[in-house]
Amino acid sequence: MNIKLNDPPVIEPLDDHGKRRRTALSCMAWAGAGVLWTLSGGVPRSRLISSAYAEEATHSFSFVQISDSHIGFNKDPNTEPTSTLQEAIGQVRKMPQQPAFMIHTGDITHLSKPAQFDTATQIIGDAGMPVHYVPGEHDVLVDNGDPFFSRFSNQYGRGSTRHWYSFDEGGVHFIGLTNVIDLKGGGLGFLGDEQLAWLKQDLQARSNSTPIVVFAHIPLWALYPAWGWGTDDSEQALALLKRFGSVTVLNGHVHQVAQKVEGDMRFYSAMSTAFPQPAPGAASGPGPMKVGADRLRSMLGLRAVTHVAGREQLAIVDTSLAEAHA
């Protein structure tokens, strides 16, 4: 196997106004226009969605990704992460076309306490759509994650000891993985033999042309292993996915937008709704990055993803909470 995932992550440079071009463009999507993200030769490109594309989009569906809400966190730079989570959910409710569902890529809570799960799920429930969860390491601090898996047993299977699942929507196959139990050295994620065997079996019945979306908390690509931003045995999972013509891998954990393209696989890390973290290697280690209240919401946000029948690439739009109000 020859999957090269050690190139530095793509973190777009700030312009003179302190904004990234992609997130500035994405603001237009919230204002009623739209941005289609495609990849050519591994380079992301954006263009406004034309009326022709809008007509084609009638055969599409969209979903939303949020991540790292950390309900229960109460320190700088955000002592009230419930408020910023509510803002994110408010923006979902304002979308002109309601998404089919939402994905939460982990760290719903900060300390795995029942009250924190209650608060988070109540706020997220206000979006009024199905939600698919995977755990972050902060969600499995108690009894090896049993409270998390019991709470969301409807997606994992009642009475099941399995901590992963899949479902289909609009011709796309979605796979929710757990890589935050039995973390490896330096905090690297871990899937384990049982989960990998299940993944192999789950994919066997899928044709090579089936679009695949995988979501997990810790990156499945080597974003920055020195900080635990990667998964120890991810190459085995990626080898199983290599035959598919369209694979999108979504994660949280790093609290910022980063991306990687390798062949037909596209990897996207998401912003948090609670607090930012420093860019890889920009600090002595990962953790909450203190920023002023005037900058906080520009570093928090959510992601809208659209699938259009007949197109391999998914349209990816990342929007900060600050831009959502622009």
Protein backbone atom coordinates (compact mmCIF):
# COMPACT_ATOMS: atom_id res chain seq x y z
CA MET A 1 0.00 0.00 0.00
CA ASN A 2 1.31 3.43 -0.85
CA ILE A 3 -0.95 6.07 0.69
CA LYS A 4 1.00 9.24 1.32
CA LEU A 5 -0.69 11.26 4.00
CA ASN A 6 2.21 13.09 5.57
CA ASP A 7 2.17 16.31 3.58
CA PRO A 8 1.46 19.42 5.68
CA PRO A 9 -2.24 20.23 6.03
CA VAL A 10 -3.65 22.96 3.84
CA ILE A 11 -4.36 25.97 6.07
CA GLU A 12 -5.35 28.89 3.90
CA PRO A 13 -3.39 32.12 4.57
CA LEU A 14 -5.23 35.15 5.86
CA ASP A 15 -5.72 38.09 3.54
CA ASP A 16 -5.20 41.75 4.46
CA HIS A 17 -8.53 41.81 6.23
CA GLY A 18 -7.81 38.77 8.35
CA LYS A 19 -10.16 36.44 6.47
CA ARG A 20 -9.59 33.37 4.37
CA ARG A 21 -10.76 33.55 0.77
CA ARG A 22 -12.74 30.33 1.04
CA THR A 23 -14.66 31.40 4.13
CA ALA A 24 -15.33 34.82 2.63
CA LEU A 25 -16.82 33.14 -0.42
CA SER A 26 -18.84 30.81 1.76
CA CYS A 27 -20.58 33.80 3.31
CA MET A 28 -22.30 34.29 -0.03
CA ALA A 29 -23.91 30.88 0.36
CA TRP A 30 -25.59 31.98 3.56
CA ALA A 31 -26.69 35.21 1.91
CA GLY A 32 -28.59 33.34 -0.80
CA ALA A 33 -25.88 32.65 -3.39
CA GLY A 34 -23.79 29.50 -3.34
CA VAL A 35 -20.27 28.23 -3.79
CA LEU A 36 -19.48 24.89 -5.42
CA TRP A 37 -16.20 23.36 -4.27
CA THR A 38 -14.47 21.00 -6.69
CA LEU A 39 -10.96 19.60 -6.74
CA SER A 40 -8.71 19.46 -9.79
CA GLY A 41 -5.25 17.98 -9.50
CA GLY A 42 -5.60 18.09 -5.73
CA VAL A 43 -6.28 21.85 -5.70
CA PRO A 44 -9.62 23.08 -4.32
CA ARG A 45 -11.44 25.49 -6.64
CA SER A 46 -14.61 27.46 -6.05
CA ARG A 47 -17.19 29.00 -8.34
CA LEU A 48 -20.62 30.49 -7.87
CA ILE A 49 -23.43 28.03 -8.44
CA SER A 50 -25.05 28.96 -11.72
CA SER A 51 -28.74 28.78 -12.48
CA ALA A 52 -28.04 25.63 -14.49
CA TYR A 53 -26.42 24.06 -11.46
CA ALA A 54 -29.29 25.25 -9.29
CA GLU A 55 -31.67 23.37 -11.58
CA GLU A 56 -29.52 20.27 -11.33
CA ALA A 57 -29.41 20.67 -7.56
CA THR A 58 -33.09 19.75 -7.39
CA HIS A 59 -31.76 16.18 -7.54
CA SER A 60 -29.42 16.78 -4.61
CA PHE A 61 -29.51 16.67 -0.86
CA SER A 62 -27.41 18.41 1.76
CA PHE A 63 -26.36 17.81 5.32
CA VAL A 64 -24.60 19.82 8.02
CA GLN A 65 -21.52 18.98 10.05
CA ILE A 66 -20.91 20.50 13.46
CA SER A 67 -18.20 19.48 15.88
CA ASP A 68 -16.54 19.95 19.25
CA SER A 69 -19.31 21.75 21.09
CA HIS A 70 -17.60 20.98 24.44
CA ILE A 71 -20.62 21.72 26.58
CA GLY A 72 -19.30 22.12 30.13
CA PHE A 73 -16.15 23.99 29.14
CA ASN A 74 -16.02 27.25 31.10
CA LYS A 75 -12.63 28.89 30.54
CA ASP A 76 -11.09 31.37 28.11
CA PRO A 77 -11.69 32.02 25.31
CA ASN A 78 -15.34 30.93 25.65
CA THR A 79 -16.96 30.60 29.05
CA GLU A 80 -20.39 30.00 27.49
CA PRO A 81 -20.11 27.36 24.74
CA THR A 82 -23.85 26.77 25.03
CA SER A 83 -24.38 30.23 23.51
CA THR A 84 -22.14 29.63 20.51
CA LEU A 85 -23.70 26.20 19.94
CA GLN A 86 -27.11 27.87 19.98
CA GLU A 87 -25.87 30.38 17.41
CA ALA A 88 -24.67 27.59 15.14
CA ILE A 89 -27.98 25.75 15.39
CA GLY A 90 -29.79 29.03 14.75
CA GLN A 91 -27.88 29.39 11.49
CA VAL A 92 -28.89 25.87 10.47
CA ARG A 93 -32.52 26.74 11.05
CA LYS A 94 -32.15 29.81 8.81
CA MET A 95 -30.80 27.88 5.84
CA PRO A 96 -33.08 28.47 2.85
CA GLN A 97 -33.22 24.74 2.11
CA GLN A 98 -33.25 22.57 5.17
CA PRO A 99 -30.56 19.85 5.23
CA ALA A 100 -31.62 16.21 5.33
CA PHE A 101 -29.71 15.63 8.58
CA MET A 102 -26.82 16.73 10.75
CA ILE A 103 -23.55 15.01 11.66
CA HIS A 104 -21.77 15.79 14.92
CA THR A 105 -18.16 14.65 14.83
CA GLY A 106 -17.56 14.40 18.55
CA ASP A 107 -16.68 16.13 21.80
CA ILE A 108 -20.31 16.94 22.32
CA THR A 109 -19.46 17.44 25.98
CA HIS A 110 -16.34 18.42 27.87
CA LEU A 111 -16.51 15.97 30.78
CA SER A 112 -19.05 13.28 29.71
CA LYS A 113 -21.53 14.36 32.40
CA PRO A 114 -25.23 13.47 31.90
CA ALA A 115 -26.31 17.10 32.35
CA GLN A 116 -23.85 18.18 29.65
CA PHE A 117 -25.21 15.59 27.23
CA ASP A 118 -28.75 16.72 28.10
CA THR A 119 -27.96 20.37 27.40
CA ALA A 120 -26.15 19.63 24.15
CA THR A 121 -28.79 17.32 22.70
CA GLN A 122 -31.58 19.71 23.67
CA ILE A 123 -29.88 22.60 21.84
CA ILE A 124 -28.97 20.48 18.82
CA GLY A 125 -32.49 19.07 18.74
CA ASP A 126 -33.80 22.57 18.06
CA ALA A 127 -32.47 22.18 14.51
CA GLY A 128 -35.44 19.91 13.90
CA MET A 129 -33.66 17.20 11.91
CA PRO A 130 -32.10 13.77 12.45
CA VAL A 131 -28.62 13.88 13.99
CA HIS A 132 -25.88 11.26 13.60
CA TYR A 133 -23.24 11.30 16.34
CA VAL A 134 -19.78 9.83 16.80
CA PRO A 135 -17.90 10.30 20.08
CA GLY A 136 -14.90 12.43 20.84
CA GLU A 137 -12.43 11.57 23.57
CA HIS A 138 -14.23 13.98 25.90
CA ASP A 139 -17.46 11.97 25.44
CA VAL A 140 -15.98 8.65 26.62
CA LEU A 141 -14.36 9.67 29.90
CA VAL A 142 -16.80 7.55 31.93
CA ASP A 143 -17.05 3.73 31.80
CA ASN A 144 -15.25 3.49 28.46
CA GLY A 145 -17.96 5.52 26.79
CA ASP A 146 -20.93 3.37 27.84
CA PRO A 147 -23.09 6.41 28.75
CA PHE A 148 -22.50 7.87 25.28
CA PHE A 149 -23.27 4.65 23.39
CA SER A 150 -26.34 3.94 25.55
CA ARG A 151 -27.68 7.44 24.96
CA PHE A 152 -27.35 7.09 21.18
CA SER A 153 -28.21 3.39 20.99
CA ASN A 154 -30.78 4.10 18.26
CA GLN A 155 -27.96 4.54 15.75
CA TYR A 156 -25.60 1.90 17.10
CA GLY A 157 -28.29 -0.73 17.66
CA ARG A 158 -30.02 -1.30 20.97
CA GLY A 159 -28.13 -3.77 23.11
CA SER A 160 -25.24 -3.77 20.65
CA THR A 161 -21.64 -3.59 21.85
CA ARG A 162 -20.60 -2.31 18.43
CA HIS A 163 -19.36 1.29 18.43
CA TRP A 164 -19.67 2.01 14.71
CA TYR A 165 -22.47 2.10 12.14
CA SER A 166 -23.46 3.01 8.59
CA PHE A 167 -26.51 4.28 6.72
CA ASP A 168 -27.51 5.35 3.22
CA GLU A 169 -28.99 8.60 1.96
CA GLY A 170 -29.65 9.65 -1.63
CA GLY A 171 -27.29 7.08 -3.10
CA VAL A 172 -24.44 7.99 -0.72
CA HIS A 173 -23.13 5.49 1.84
CA PHE A 174 -22.25 7.07 5.22
CA ILE A 175 -19.98 5.39 7.77
CA GLY A 176 -19.60 6.56 11.37
CA LEU A 177 -16.41 5.30 13.03
CA THR A 178 -15.09 5.49 16.59
CA ASN A 179 -11.37 6.17 17.01
CA VAL A 180 -11.23 7.69 20.51
CA ILE A 181 -11.18 4.54 22.66
CA ASP A 182 -7.81 3.02 23.56
CA LEU A 183 -5.86 5.98 22.24
CA LYS A 184 -2.29 5.26 21.21
CA GLY A 185 0.97 7.03 22.03
CA GLY A 186 0.76 10.80 21.90
CA GLY A 187 -3.04 10.65 21.76
CA LEU A 188 -3.30 9.13 18.30
CA GLY A 189 -6.69 7.67 17.46
CA PHE A 190 -7.24 3.94 17.10
CA LEU A 191 -9.84 1.86 15.24
CA GLY A 192 -8.88 -1.70 16.17
CA ASP A 193 -9.14 -5.05 14.39
CA GLU A 194 -12.83 -5.61 15.14
CA GLN A 195 -13.90 -2.28 13.69
CA LEU A 196 -11.67 -2.74 10.64
CA ALA A 197 -13.16 -6.19 10.02
CA TRP A 198 -16.65 -4.70 10.23
CA LEU A 199 -15.67 -1.91 7.82
CA LYS A 200 -14.38 -4.44 5.30
CA GLN A 201 -17.64 -6.38 5.47
CA ASP A 202 -19.75 -3.21 5.28
CA LEU A 203 -18.00 -2.09 2.10
CA GLN A 204 -18.09 -5.43 0.30
CA ALA A 205 -21.61 -4.97 -1.03
CA ARG A 206 -20.90 -1.44 -2.34
CA SER A 207 -19.96 -0.84 -5.95
CA ASN A 208 -16.87 1.17 -6.78
CA SER A 209 -19.08 4.01 -8.04
CA THR A 210 -20.91 4.44 -4.71
CA PRO A 211 -20.02 7.80 -3.12
CA ILE A 212 -18.69 7.19 0.39
CA VAL A 213 -18.68 9.63 3.32
CA VAL A 214 -16.75 8.56 6.42
CA PHE A 215 -16.92 10.57 9.62
CA ALA A 216 -14.97 10.20 12.85
CA HIS A 217 -13.63 12.49 15.56
CA ILE A 218 -9.85 12.26 15.21
CA PRO A 219 -8.46 12.74 11.69
CA LEU A 220 -7.99 9.57 9.63
CA TRP A 221 -5.08 11.29 7.90
CA ALA A 222 -1.75 12.27 9.39
CA LEU A 223 -2.65 15.91 9.95
CA TYR A 224 -0.11 16.43 12.77
CA PRO A 225 0.82 13.22 14.59
CA ALA A 226 3.10 15.05 17.02
CA TRP A 227 -0.08 16.43 18.61
CA GLY A 228 -2.07 13.22 18.26
CA TRP A 229 -3.84 14.58 15.19
CA GLY A 230 -4.01 11.31 13.32
CA THR A 231 -5.14 7.69 13.71
CA ASP A 232 -2.62 4.93 14.40
CA ASP A 233 -4.16 2.26 12.14
CA SER A 234 -5.98 4.48 9.65
CA GLU A 235 -3.98 3.25 6.65
CA GLN A 236 -5.74 -0.11 6.92
CA ALA A 237 -9.12 1.63 6.74
CA LEU A 238 -8.03 3.86 3.87
CA ALA A 239 -6.78 0.86 1.92
CA LEU A 240 -10.31 -0.58 2.07
CA LEU A 241 -11.71 2.69 0.72
CA LYS A 242 -9.16 3.15 -2.05
CA ARG A 243 -11.22 1.37 -4.75
CA PHE A 244 -14.09 3.86 -4.55
CA GLY A 245 -14.25 6.75 -6.99
CA SER A 246 -15.52 9.30 -4.45
CA VAL A 247 -14.53 9.20 -0.77
CA THR A 248 -15.03 12.13 1.59
CA VAL A 249 -13.66 11.88 5.12
CA LEU A 250 -14.88 14.33 7.76
CA ASN A 251 -13.46 14.85 11.25
CA GLY A 252 -13.40 17.23 14.18
CA HIS A 253 -10.88 17.33 17.06
CA VAL A 254 -8.54 19.98 15.66
CA HIS A 255 -11.02 22.90 15.88
CA GLN A 256 -10.05 24.44 12.53
CA VAL A 257 -10.51 23.96 8.81
CA ALA A 258 -7.78 21.85 7.24
CA GLN A 259 -7.89 19.64 4.16
CA LYS A 260 -6.01 16.96 2.30
CA VAL A 261 -6.55 15.39 -1.12
CA GLU A 262 -5.04 12.02 -1.97
CA GLY A 263 -6.27 10.48 -5.22
CA ASP A 264 -10.04 10.11 -4.97
CA MET A 265 -10.03 10.68 -1.19
CA ARG A 266 -10.74 14.10 0.24
CA PHE A 267 -10.19 14.83 3.93
CA TYR A 268 -11.75 17.78 5.76
CA SER A 269 -11.32 18.88 9.38
CA ALA A 270 -13.98 21.14 10.84
CA MET A 271 -14.16 24.17 13.09
CA SER A 272 -15.46 23.86 16.62
CA THR A 273 -18.50 25.65 17.98
CA ALA A 274 -16.70 26.19 21.32
CA PHE A 275 -13.08 27.38 20.96
CA PRO A 276 -10.24 27.41 18.42
CA GLN A 277 -6.95 25.56 18.64
CA PRO A 278 -3.60 26.73 17.23
CA ALA A 279 -2.43 25.75 13.77
CA PRO A 280 -0.23 22.65 13.73
CA GLY A 281 3.15 23.42 15.28
CA ALA A 282 2.24 27.05 16.04
CA ALA A 283 2.26 26.48 19.81
CA SER A 284 3.91 24.17 22.31
CA GLY A 285 0.93 21.83 22.04
CA PRO A 286 -2.78 21.58 21.29
CA GLY A 287 -5.47 23.09 23.49
CA PRO A 288 -7.83 26.05 23.73
CA MET A 289 -6.33 29.08 22.02
CA LYS A 290 -7.05 32.32 23.80
CA VAL A 291 -8.38 35.00 21.47
CA GLY A 292 -10.29 38.20 22.09
CA ALA A 293 -14.06 38.24 22.14
CA ASP A 294 -13.98 40.26 18.92
CA ARG A 295 -12.21 37.39 17.11
CA LEU A 296 -13.79 34.35 18.74
CA ARG A 297 -16.78 33.89 16.43
CA SER A 298 -14.62 34.28 13.34
CA MET A 299 -12.81 31.10 14.44
CA LEU A 300 -15.91 29.05 15.25
CA GLY A 301 -18.38 27.68 12.73
CA LEU A 302 -20.10 24.89 10.88
CA ARG A 303 -20.05 23.14 7.51
CA ALA A 304 -22.70 22.53 4.86
CA VAL A 305 -22.17 19.64 2.44
CA THR A 306 -24.22 19.08 -0.71
CA HIS A 307 -24.35 15.97 -2.88
CA VAL A 308 -25.66 16.33 -6.44
CA ALA A 309 -26.66 13.15 -8.24
CA GLY A 310 -24.22 12.40 -11.04
CA ARG A 311 -21.37 14.47 -9.60
CA GLU A 312 -18.41 12.84 -7.88
CA GLN A 313 -17.33 15.83 -5.81
CA LEU A 314 -19.35 17.09 -2.88
CA ALA A 315 -19.92 20.83 -2.48
CA ILE A 316 -18.25 21.85 0.79
CA VAL A 317 -19.00 25.23 2.39
CA ASP A 318 -17.42 26.21 5.71
CA THR A 319 -18.96 29.23 7.42
CA SER A 320 -17.79 30.93 10.63
CA LEU A 321 -20.33 32.22 13.13
CA ALA A 322 -19.13 35.75 12.40
CA GLU A 323 -19.61 35.35 8.64
CA ALA A 324 -23.03 33.80 9.11
CA HIS A 325 -24.14 37.17 10.46
CA ALA A 326 -22.45 39.14 7.64
